[in-house]
N, C-alpha and C. Protein backbone atom coordinates (compact mmCIF):
# COMPACT_ATOMS: atom_id res chain seq x y z
N MET A 1 2.08 8.99 4.58
CA MET A 1 3.37 8.53 4.12
C MET A 1 3.48 7.02 4.29
N ARG A 2 3.01 6.53 5.42
CA ARG A 2 3.09 5.09 5.69
C ARG A 2 2.32 4.31 4.63
N PHE A 3 1.14 4.80 4.26
CA PHE A 3 0.34 4.14 3.24
C PHE A 3 1.08 4.14 1.90
N SER A 4 1.67 5.24 1.52
CA SER A 4 2.43 5.33 0.28
C SER A 4 3.63 4.40 0.31
N LEU A 5 4.27 4.27 1.45
CA LEU A 5 5.42 3.38 1.58
C LEU A 5 5.01 1.93 1.39
N HIS A 6 3.89 1.55 1.95
CA HIS A 6 3.43 0.17 1.80
C HIS A 6 2.95 -0.11 0.38
N LEU A 7 2.45 0.89 -0.30
CA LEU A 7 2.02 0.69 -1.68
C LEU A 7 3.21 0.55 -2.62
N SER A 8 4.27 1.28 -2.35
CA SER A 8 5.39 1.29 -3.28
C SER A 8 6.54 0.39 -2.85
N SER A 9 6.69 0.12 -1.57
CA SER A 9 7.78 -0.71 -1.02
C SER A 9 9.15 -0.12 -1.29
N ASN A 10 9.21 1.17 -1.55
CA ASN A 10 10.47 1.83 -1.83
C ASN A 10 10.37 3.24 -1.28
N ARG A 11 11.27 3.62 -0.41
CA ARG A 11 11.17 4.90 0.28
C ARG A 11 11.17 6.10 -0.68
N GLU A 12 12.03 6.07 -1.69
CA GLU A 12 12.11 7.20 -2.62
C GLU A 12 10.81 7.33 -3.41
N ASP A 13 10.30 6.19 -3.90
CA ASP A 13 9.02 6.24 -4.63
C ASP A 13 7.90 6.69 -3.71
N ALA A 14 7.92 6.21 -2.47
CA ALA A 14 6.87 6.58 -1.51
C ALA A 14 6.90 8.08 -1.24
N LEU A 15 8.08 8.66 -1.14
CA LEU A 15 8.18 10.11 -0.93
C LEU A 15 7.57 10.87 -2.10
N GLU A 16 7.84 10.40 -3.31
CA GLU A 16 7.25 11.04 -4.49
C GLU A 16 5.73 10.90 -4.49
N LEU A 17 5.24 9.69 -4.16
CA LEU A 17 3.80 9.46 -4.10
C LEU A 17 3.16 10.36 -3.04
N PHE A 18 3.80 10.44 -1.90
CA PHE A 18 3.30 11.25 -0.79
C PHE A 18 3.23 12.72 -1.18
N GLN A 19 4.29 13.22 -1.79
CA GLN A 19 4.32 14.62 -2.20
C GLN A 19 3.26 14.91 -3.27
N GLU A 20 3.13 14.01 -4.23
CA GLU A 20 2.14 14.19 -5.29
C GLU A 20 0.72 14.14 -4.72
N THR A 21 0.49 13.26 -3.74
CA THR A 21 -0.82 13.17 -3.09
C THR A 21 -1.18 14.50 -2.45
N TRP A 22 -0.27 15.06 -1.67
CA TRP A 22 -0.56 16.32 -0.99
C TRP A 22 -0.66 17.49 -1.96
N LEU A 23 0.10 17.45 -3.03
CA LEU A 23 0.00 18.50 -4.04
C LEU A 23 -1.39 18.47 -4.70
N ARG A 24 -1.84 17.28 -5.05
CA ARG A 24 -3.18 17.15 -5.66
C ARG A 24 -4.28 17.52 -4.66
N ALA A 25 -4.10 17.15 -3.41
CA ALA A 25 -5.09 17.50 -2.39
C ALA A 25 -5.16 19.02 -2.22
N TYR A 26 -4.01 19.66 -2.20
CA TYR A 26 -3.96 21.12 -2.06
C TYR A 26 -4.67 21.80 -3.23
N ARG A 27 -4.41 21.29 -4.43
CA ARG A 27 -5.05 21.88 -5.62
C ARG A 27 -6.56 21.67 -5.62
N ALA A 28 -7.01 20.53 -5.08
CA ALA A 28 -8.44 20.21 -5.09
C ALA A 28 -9.18 20.80 -3.89
N TRP A 29 -8.46 21.29 -2.91
CA TRP A 29 -9.06 21.78 -1.66
C TRP A 29 -10.21 22.77 -1.87
N PRO A 30 -10.09 23.74 -2.77
CA PRO A 30 -11.20 24.69 -2.95
C PRO A 30 -12.50 24.04 -3.44
N ARG A 31 -12.39 22.86 -4.07
CA ARG A 31 -13.58 22.21 -4.62
C ARG A 31 -14.22 21.20 -3.68
N ILE A 32 -13.60 20.90 -2.55
CA ILE A 32 -14.13 19.86 -1.66
C ILE A 32 -15.19 20.42 -0.72
N GLN A 33 -16.16 19.60 -0.42
CA GLN A 33 -17.18 19.97 0.56
C GLN A 33 -16.56 19.84 1.96
N ARG A 34 -16.65 20.84 2.74
CA ARG A 34 -16.02 20.84 4.07
C ARG A 34 -16.68 19.84 5.03
N THR A 35 -17.86 19.36 4.69
CA THR A 35 -18.54 18.41 5.56
C THR A 35 -18.12 16.97 5.28
N GLU A 36 -17.37 16.74 4.21
CA GLU A 36 -16.93 15.39 3.87
C GLU A 36 -15.85 14.91 4.84
N ASN A 37 -15.78 13.58 4.97
CA ASN A 37 -14.72 12.96 5.75
C ASN A 37 -13.45 13.01 4.90
N LEU A 38 -12.42 13.66 5.36
CA LEU A 38 -11.23 13.88 4.56
C LEU A 38 -10.32 12.67 4.43
N LYS A 39 -10.37 11.77 5.39
CA LYS A 39 -9.47 10.61 5.35
C LYS A 39 -9.70 9.76 4.11
N PRO A 40 -10.93 9.32 3.81
CA PRO A 40 -11.13 8.55 2.58
C PRO A 40 -10.76 9.34 1.33
N TRP A 41 -11.02 10.63 1.33
CA TRP A 41 -10.69 11.49 0.20
C TRP A 41 -9.18 11.48 -0.05
N LEU A 42 -8.38 11.64 1.01
CA LEU A 42 -6.93 11.63 0.86
C LEU A 42 -6.41 10.27 0.43
N PHE A 43 -6.98 9.19 1.00
CA PHE A 43 -6.54 7.86 0.61
C PHE A 43 -6.89 7.57 -0.85
N GLN A 44 -8.01 8.07 -1.32
CA GLN A 44 -8.38 7.88 -2.72
C GLN A 44 -7.40 8.61 -3.63
N ILE A 45 -7.00 9.79 -3.24
CA ILE A 45 -5.99 10.52 -4.02
C ILE A 45 -4.69 9.72 -4.05
N ALA A 46 -4.28 9.21 -2.89
CA ALA A 46 -3.04 8.42 -2.82
C ALA A 46 -3.13 7.18 -3.71
N LEU A 47 -4.28 6.51 -3.71
CA LEU A 47 -4.46 5.34 -4.57
C LEU A 47 -4.38 5.73 -6.04
N ASN A 48 -5.01 6.82 -6.41
CA ASN A 48 -4.96 7.26 -7.80
C ASN A 48 -3.54 7.62 -8.23
N VAL A 49 -2.80 8.27 -7.35
CA VAL A 49 -1.41 8.61 -7.66
C VAL A 49 -0.60 7.33 -7.84
N GLU A 50 -0.81 6.37 -6.95
CA GLU A 50 -0.08 5.10 -7.03
C GLU A 50 -0.44 4.36 -8.31
N ARG A 51 -1.70 4.32 -8.66
CA ARG A 51 -2.13 3.65 -9.90
C ARG A 51 -1.50 4.31 -11.12
N ASN A 52 -1.49 5.62 -11.13
CA ASN A 52 -0.86 6.34 -12.25
C ASN A 52 0.63 6.03 -12.32
N ASN A 53 1.27 5.98 -11.17
CA ASN A 53 2.69 5.69 -11.11
C ASN A 53 2.98 4.29 -11.66
N ARG A 54 2.15 3.32 -11.30
CA ARG A 54 2.34 1.96 -11.80
C ARG A 54 2.13 1.88 -13.30
N ARG A 55 1.19 2.64 -13.81
CA ARG A 55 0.94 2.64 -15.25
C ARG A 55 2.08 3.29 -16.02
N ASN A 56 2.62 4.35 -15.50
CA ASN A 56 3.60 5.15 -16.23
C ASN A 56 5.04 4.65 -16.10
N PHE A 57 5.36 3.96 -15.04
CA PHE A 57 6.74 3.53 -14.83
C PHE A 57 6.79 2.04 -14.52
N ALA A 58 7.76 1.36 -15.08
CA ALA A 58 7.94 -0.07 -14.80
C ALA A 58 8.44 -0.23 -13.37
N ARG A 59 7.86 -1.19 -12.69
CA ARG A 59 8.27 -1.44 -11.30
C ARG A 59 9.63 -2.12 -11.28
N ARG A 60 10.36 -1.86 -10.25
CA ARG A 60 11.64 -2.55 -10.08
C ARG A 60 11.36 -4.01 -9.80
N SER A 61 12.07 -4.88 -10.47
CA SER A 61 11.79 -6.30 -10.33
C SER A 61 12.56 -6.95 -9.19
N LYS A 62 13.57 -6.26 -8.74
CA LYS A 62 14.38 -6.88 -7.69
C LYS A 62 14.32 -6.05 -6.42
N LEU A 63 13.98 -6.71 -5.32
CA LEU A 63 13.92 -6.04 -4.02
C LEU A 63 15.20 -6.35 -3.28
N THR A 64 15.85 -5.34 -2.77
CA THR A 64 17.08 -5.55 -2.02
C THR A 64 16.80 -5.37 -0.54
N ALA A 65 17.62 -5.96 0.26
CA ALA A 65 17.45 -5.85 1.70
C ALA A 65 17.74 -4.44 2.16
N ARG A 66 16.93 -3.95 3.09
CA ARG A 66 17.18 -2.63 3.67
C ARG A 66 18.36 -2.75 4.62
N PRO A 67 19.14 -1.68 4.79
CA PRO A 67 20.33 -1.75 5.65
C PRO A 67 20.02 -2.21 7.06
N GLU A 68 18.89 -1.80 7.64
CA GLU A 68 18.61 -2.18 9.02
C GLU A 68 18.27 -3.66 9.18
N LEU A 69 18.03 -4.35 8.04
CA LEU A 69 17.74 -5.78 8.09
C LEU A 69 19.01 -6.61 8.01
N SER A 70 20.14 -5.97 7.74
CA SER A 70 21.39 -6.67 7.58
C SER A 70 22.19 -6.62 8.87
N SER A 71 22.96 -7.66 9.08
CA SER A 71 23.83 -7.69 10.26
C SER A 71 25.12 -6.96 9.93
N SER A 72 26.01 -6.87 10.90
CA SER A 72 27.25 -6.11 10.71
C SER A 72 28.14 -6.72 9.63
N ASP A 73 28.02 -8.03 9.39
CA ASP A 73 28.87 -8.65 8.37
C ASP A 73 28.25 -8.57 6.97
N GLY A 74 27.10 -7.88 6.84
CA GLY A 74 26.49 -7.69 5.53
C GLY A 74 25.44 -8.73 5.18
N SER A 75 25.34 -9.80 5.98
CA SER A 75 24.33 -10.82 5.69
C SER A 75 22.98 -10.37 6.24
N THR A 76 21.92 -10.91 5.69
CA THR A 76 20.58 -10.55 6.11
C THR A 76 20.11 -11.50 7.19
N SER A 77 19.52 -10.96 8.25
CA SER A 77 19.04 -11.78 9.36
C SER A 77 17.84 -12.60 8.91
N GLU A 78 17.50 -13.62 9.69
CA GLU A 78 16.36 -14.48 9.37
C GLU A 78 15.05 -13.68 9.38
N SER A 79 14.88 -12.80 10.37
CA SER A 79 13.67 -11.98 10.40
C SER A 79 13.65 -11.00 9.22
N GLY A 80 14.81 -10.52 8.81
CA GLY A 80 14.89 -9.64 7.65
C GLY A 80 14.50 -10.36 6.38
N LEU A 81 14.93 -11.62 6.25
CA LEU A 81 14.55 -12.42 5.08
C LEU A 81 13.04 -12.67 5.05
N ARG A 82 12.45 -12.92 6.22
CA ARG A 82 10.99 -13.12 6.29
C ARG A 82 10.26 -11.85 5.88
N LEU A 83 10.76 -10.70 6.31
CA LEU A 83 10.13 -9.43 5.95
C LEU A 83 10.24 -9.18 4.45
N ILE A 84 11.38 -9.46 3.87
CA ILE A 84 11.57 -9.30 2.43
C ILE A 84 10.62 -10.21 1.67
N ARG A 85 10.50 -11.44 2.13
CA ARG A 85 9.59 -12.40 1.48
C ARG A 85 8.13 -11.94 1.59
N LEU A 86 7.76 -11.40 2.76
CA LEU A 86 6.41 -10.88 2.94
C LEU A 86 6.14 -9.71 1.99
N ARG A 87 7.08 -8.77 1.90
CA ARG A 87 6.92 -7.62 1.01
C ARG A 87 6.77 -8.06 -0.44
N ARG A 88 7.59 -9.02 -0.86
CA ARG A 88 7.48 -9.52 -2.24
C ARG A 88 6.11 -10.15 -2.47
N THR A 89 5.65 -10.91 -1.51
CA THR A 89 4.35 -11.57 -1.63
C THR A 89 3.24 -10.53 -1.71
N VAL A 90 3.27 -9.53 -0.85
CA VAL A 90 2.25 -8.47 -0.87
C VAL A 90 2.31 -7.72 -2.19
N ASN A 91 3.49 -7.44 -2.70
CA ASN A 91 3.62 -6.71 -3.96
C ASN A 91 3.07 -7.48 -5.15
N ARG A 92 3.05 -8.81 -5.07
CA ARG A 92 2.53 -9.62 -6.17
C ARG A 92 1.01 -9.78 -6.13
N LEU A 93 0.38 -9.35 -5.05
CA LEU A 93 -1.08 -9.45 -4.97
C LEU A 93 -1.73 -8.56 -6.03
N PRO A 94 -2.93 -8.94 -6.48
CA PRO A 94 -3.67 -8.03 -7.37
C PRO A 94 -3.86 -6.68 -6.66
N SER A 95 -3.90 -5.63 -7.43
CA SER A 95 -3.90 -4.27 -6.91
C SER A 95 -4.94 -4.03 -5.83
N LYS A 96 -6.18 -4.39 -6.08
CA LYS A 96 -7.25 -4.11 -5.12
C LYS A 96 -7.05 -4.89 -3.82
N GLN A 97 -6.59 -6.14 -3.93
CA GLN A 97 -6.33 -6.94 -2.74
C GLN A 97 -5.18 -6.35 -1.94
N ARG A 98 -4.12 -5.94 -2.63
CA ARG A 98 -2.96 -5.35 -1.95
C ARG A 98 -3.35 -4.07 -1.24
N GLN A 99 -4.11 -3.22 -1.92
CA GLN A 99 -4.51 -1.96 -1.32
C GLN A 99 -5.43 -2.18 -0.13
N ALA A 100 -6.40 -3.09 -0.26
CA ALA A 100 -7.31 -3.37 0.84
C ALA A 100 -6.55 -3.97 2.03
N PHE A 101 -5.61 -4.86 1.74
CA PHE A 101 -4.81 -5.49 2.79
C PHE A 101 -4.01 -4.44 3.56
N VAL A 102 -3.35 -3.53 2.85
CA VAL A 102 -2.55 -2.49 3.50
C VAL A 102 -3.44 -1.57 4.33
N MET A 103 -4.58 -1.17 3.77
CA MET A 103 -5.47 -0.28 4.52
C MET A 103 -5.98 -0.94 5.80
N ARG A 104 -6.26 -2.23 5.74
CA ARG A 104 -6.80 -2.93 6.92
C ARG A 104 -5.70 -3.28 7.92
N GLN A 105 -4.65 -3.94 7.45
CA GLN A 105 -3.64 -4.47 8.36
C GLN A 105 -2.62 -3.43 8.82
N VAL A 106 -2.31 -2.47 7.98
CA VAL A 106 -1.30 -1.47 8.34
C VAL A 106 -1.94 -0.23 8.92
N ASP A 107 -2.98 0.27 8.25
CA ASP A 107 -3.60 1.52 8.67
C ASP A 107 -4.80 1.32 9.59
N GLY A 108 -5.24 0.07 9.78
CA GLY A 108 -6.30 -0.23 10.73
C GLY A 108 -7.67 0.31 10.36
N MET A 109 -7.92 0.48 9.08
CA MET A 109 -9.22 1.01 8.65
C MET A 109 -10.29 -0.06 8.75
N ASP A 110 -11.54 0.38 8.93
CA ASP A 110 -12.64 -0.58 8.91
C ASP A 110 -13.06 -0.82 7.46
N TYR A 111 -13.84 -1.88 7.27
CA TYR A 111 -14.19 -2.30 5.92
C TYR A 111 -15.05 -1.29 5.17
N SER A 112 -15.91 -0.60 5.86
CA SER A 112 -16.74 0.39 5.17
C SER A 112 -15.88 1.54 4.65
N GLU A 113 -14.88 1.93 5.41
CA GLU A 113 -13.97 2.99 4.98
C GLU A 113 -13.13 2.53 3.78
N ILE A 114 -12.65 1.29 3.85
CA ILE A 114 -11.88 0.73 2.73
C ILE A 114 -12.75 0.68 1.48
N GLY A 115 -14.00 0.25 1.66
CA GLY A 115 -14.93 0.18 0.54
C GLY A 115 -15.16 1.54 -0.11
N ARG A 116 -15.31 2.58 0.70
CA ARG A 116 -15.50 3.93 0.14
C ARG A 116 -14.28 4.36 -0.68
N ILE A 117 -13.11 4.06 -0.17
CA ILE A 117 -11.89 4.48 -0.86
C ILE A 117 -11.70 3.70 -2.15
N LEU A 118 -11.98 2.39 -2.11
CA LEU A 118 -11.78 1.56 -3.30
C LEU A 118 -12.97 1.58 -4.26
N GLY A 119 -14.06 2.21 -3.83
CA GLY A 119 -15.24 2.28 -4.68
C GLY A 119 -15.99 0.96 -4.75
N CYS A 120 -16.07 0.27 -3.62
CA CYS A 120 -16.79 -1.00 -3.56
C CYS A 120 -17.54 -1.07 -2.24
N THR A 121 -18.24 -2.17 -2.01
CA THR A 121 -18.98 -2.34 -0.76
C THR A 121 -18.04 -2.79 0.35
N ALA A 122 -18.52 -2.71 1.58
CA ALA A 122 -17.74 -3.20 2.72
C ALA A 122 -17.54 -4.71 2.61
N VAL A 123 -18.53 -5.40 2.09
CA VAL A 123 -18.43 -6.86 1.92
C VAL A 123 -17.32 -7.18 0.91
N SER A 124 -17.27 -6.44 -0.17
CA SER A 124 -16.23 -6.64 -1.18
C SER A 124 -14.85 -6.31 -0.60
N ALA A 125 -14.77 -5.27 0.18
CA ALA A 125 -13.50 -4.90 0.83
C ALA A 125 -13.04 -6.02 1.75
N ARG A 126 -13.97 -6.58 2.53
CA ARG A 126 -13.65 -7.69 3.43
C ARG A 126 -13.16 -8.90 2.62
N ALA A 127 -13.81 -9.16 1.48
CA ALA A 127 -13.42 -10.28 0.63
C ALA A 127 -12.01 -10.07 0.07
N ASN A 128 -11.70 -8.85 -0.33
CA ASN A 128 -10.36 -8.56 -0.85
C ASN A 128 -9.29 -8.78 0.21
N VAL A 129 -9.56 -8.35 1.43
CA VAL A 129 -8.60 -8.55 2.52
C VAL A 129 -8.46 -10.04 2.81
N SER A 130 -9.57 -10.75 2.85
CA SER A 130 -9.55 -12.18 3.13
C SER A 130 -8.78 -12.95 2.06
N GLN A 131 -9.01 -12.62 0.79
CA GLN A 131 -8.29 -13.27 -0.29
C GLN A 131 -6.80 -12.96 -0.22
N ALA A 132 -6.47 -11.74 0.10
CA ALA A 132 -5.06 -11.36 0.23
C ALA A 132 -4.40 -12.15 1.36
N LEU A 133 -5.07 -12.23 2.50
CA LEU A 133 -4.50 -12.98 3.63
C LEU A 133 -4.31 -14.46 3.27
N SER A 134 -5.28 -15.04 2.57
CA SER A 134 -5.16 -16.45 2.16
C SER A 134 -3.96 -16.65 1.26
N LYS A 135 -3.78 -15.76 0.28
CA LYS A 135 -2.66 -15.87 -0.64
C LYS A 135 -1.32 -15.68 0.08
N ILE A 136 -1.29 -14.74 1.00
CA ILE A 136 -0.06 -14.48 1.75
C ILE A 136 0.30 -15.69 2.61
N LYS A 137 -0.69 -16.22 3.34
CA LYS A 137 -0.43 -17.40 4.18
C LYS A 137 0.03 -18.58 3.35
N LYS A 138 -0.62 -18.80 2.21
CA LYS A 138 -0.24 -19.91 1.34
C LYS A 138 1.18 -19.75 0.83
N GLU A 139 1.51 -18.55 0.37
CA GLU A 139 2.84 -18.28 -0.18
C GLU A 139 3.93 -18.41 0.88
N LEU A 140 3.66 -17.90 2.07
CA LEU A 140 4.70 -17.92 3.11
C LEU A 140 4.85 -19.28 3.78
N SER A 141 3.87 -20.16 3.61
CA SER A 141 3.97 -21.48 4.24
C SER A 141 4.70 -22.47 3.34
N LEU A 142 4.97 -22.08 2.09
CA LEU A 142 5.67 -22.98 1.16
C LEU A 142 7.10 -23.19 1.55
């Protein structure tokens, strides 16, 4: 669920992605080799669901502050504004960089695992994370 939330940046969309991921995993379960590592398999399903979702539906262009980021008077706190800015920056990253960044920084996966899920080498996964971090740092330092 956490991975879906970071991919979509919207709780309702993340719930739909999460449910669709588990539905597809359940349907595919009879065809999977029981000796396979299931974590990369599930993350690949989640990525495919997210990619399909992005292709089929236009993303919301405006991000609003979450209620817990707002103070009692309705204004957004400084840390809340930084979080909103970070989310917007991450959402603007190219798809592979965003996905690799989330898997590494949020889910703590190693590069070889990220590479298996994204269908690339560990070196390429490391490069995607590095490029994402560079873009994020550049954007947030402006």
